[in-house]
Amino acid sequence: MSDAQTLPQVDFSNFVLSLAATAMVQLGIVPDPESGETVEPNLLLARHTIDTLEMLRDKTRNNLEPDETKLLDSLLYELRMRAVEVKKGGGGAGGDAR
């Protein structure tokens, strides 16, 4: 299959990065990769995606490589902070509130 040659390797890090990217789109922070448009934040959907990452962290505790644990923890921290910013009205489209 020729499409498989262009897809990233299937591993835990790429999987959680994909979920984090989805949450960033849902928060209205980065453009949707398909449309190129930045969407209005959907905090409920973003919270669900963040909760999914948290569930993965909890279910995989003590089974990950140290770098995978660090990646997951830092993604969760960043997404939570961004969700708070968006909820307060300061971190959505057009504004990088870092």
Protein backbone atom coordinates (compact mmCIF):
# COMPACT_ATOMS: atom_id res chain seq x y z
CA MET A 1 0.00 0.00 0.00
CA SER A 2 1.63 3.25 -1.10
CA ASP A 3 -0.10 5.42 1.56
CA ALA A 4 1.61 3.45 4.33
CA GLN A 5 4.96 4.76 3.12
CA THR A 6 3.96 8.34 4.00
CA LEU A 7 2.34 7.62 7.36
CA PRO A 8 4.31 7.95 10.59
CA GLN A 9 5.42 4.84 12.43
CA VAL A 10 2.74 3.34 14.65
CA ASP A 11 4.03 3.71 18.20
CA PHE A 12 2.78 5.06 21.51
CA SER A 13 4.43 8.47 21.15
CA ASN A 14 2.95 9.13 17.72
CA PHE A 15 -0.45 7.97 18.95
CA VAL A 16 -0.52 10.39 21.90
CA LEU A 17 0.88 13.19 19.73
CA SER A 18 -1.98 12.59 17.30
CA LEU A 19 -4.53 12.83 20.12
CA ALA A 20 -2.86 15.99 21.43
CA ALA A 21 -2.95 17.57 17.97
CA THR A 22 -6.65 16.74 17.76
CA ALA A 23 -7.22 18.46 21.11
CA MET A 24 -5.32 21.55 19.88
CA VAL A 25 -7.64 21.73 16.86
CA GLN A 26 -10.67 21.28 19.12
CA LEU A 27 -9.42 24.11 21.33
CA GLY A 28 -9.17 26.35 18.26
CA ILE A 29 -5.43 26.84 18.74
CA VAL A 30 -4.17 25.26 15.53
CA PRO A 31 -5.88 24.98 12.15
CA ASP A 32 -7.68 21.82 11.13
CA PRO A 33 -5.17 19.94 8.95
CA GLU A 34 -7.83 18.99 6.39
CA SER A 35 -9.47 22.38 5.88
CA GLY A 36 -6.66 24.67 6.95
CA GLU A 37 -9.27 26.63 8.91
CA THR A 38 -9.09 27.36 12.61
CA VAL A 39 -12.37 26.23 14.14
CA GLU A 40 -14.29 27.72 17.04
CA PRO A 41 -13.16 26.11 20.29
CA ASN A 42 -15.22 23.13 21.40
CA LEU A 43 -14.26 22.81 25.06
CA LEU A 44 -16.49 19.79 25.67
CA LEU A 45 -14.91 17.80 22.84
CA ALA A 46 -11.40 18.97 23.77
CA ARG A 47 -12.01 17.95 27.40
CA HIS A 48 -13.05 14.50 26.18
CA THR A 49 -9.84 14.13 24.18
CA ILE A 50 -7.75 15.33 27.14
CA ASP A 51 -9.60 12.86 29.38
CA THR A 52 -8.76 10.11 26.88
CA LEU A 53 -5.07 10.97 27.17
CA GLU A 54 -5.37 10.97 30.95
CA MET A 55 -7.04 7.55 30.88
CA LEU A 56 -4.19 6.24 28.69
CA ARG A 57 -1.67 7.61 31.19
CA ASP A 58 -3.45 5.90 34.06
CA LYS A 59 -3.88 2.56 32.26
CA THR A 60 -0.29 2.45 31.04
CA ARG A 61 1.34 3.61 34.29
CA ASN A 62 4.57 1.66 34.94
CA ASN A 63 4.44 0.15 31.43
CA LEU A 64 5.92 3.03 29.44
CA GLU A 65 9.47 4.00 28.66
CA PRO A 66 10.61 7.06 30.65
CA ASP A 67 10.54 9.28 27.55
CA GLU A 68 6.98 8.16 26.76
CA THR A 69 5.88 8.98 30.31
CA LYS A 70 7.54 12.40 30.11
CA LEU A 71 5.91 13.11 26.74
CA LEU A 72 2.46 12.14 27.95
CA ASP A 73 2.77 14.13 31.18
CA SER A 74 3.99 17.23 29.36
CA LEU A 75 1.27 16.99 26.71
CA LEU A 76 -1.38 16.70 29.41
CA TYR A 77 0.03 19.71 31.24
CA GLU A 78 0.17 21.82 28.07
CA LEU A 79 -3.33 20.85 26.97
CA ARG A 80 -4.81 21.57 30.39
CA MET A 81 -3.16 25.00 30.48
CA ARG A 82 -4.35 25.78 26.97
CA ALA A 83 -7.90 24.67 27.83
CA VAL A 84 -7.92 27.07 30.79
CA GLU A 85 -6.68 29.89 28.54
CA VAL A 86 -9.36 29.19 25.96
CA LYS A 87 -12.04 28.98 28.64
CA LYS A 88 -10.95 32.39 29.93
CA GLY A 89 -11.06 33.72 26.37
CA GLY A 90 -7.37 34.31 25.86
CA GLY A 91 -5.94 31.37 23.96
CA GLY A 92 -8.06 30.57 20.94
CA ALA A 93 -7.56 31.34 17.28
CA GLY A 94 -5.09 34.05 16.52
CA GLY A 95 -3.59 34.25 19.98
CA ASP A 96 -0.68 32.27 21.32
CA ALA A 97 -0.99 32.86 25.03
CA ARG A 98 2.34 31.30 26.03
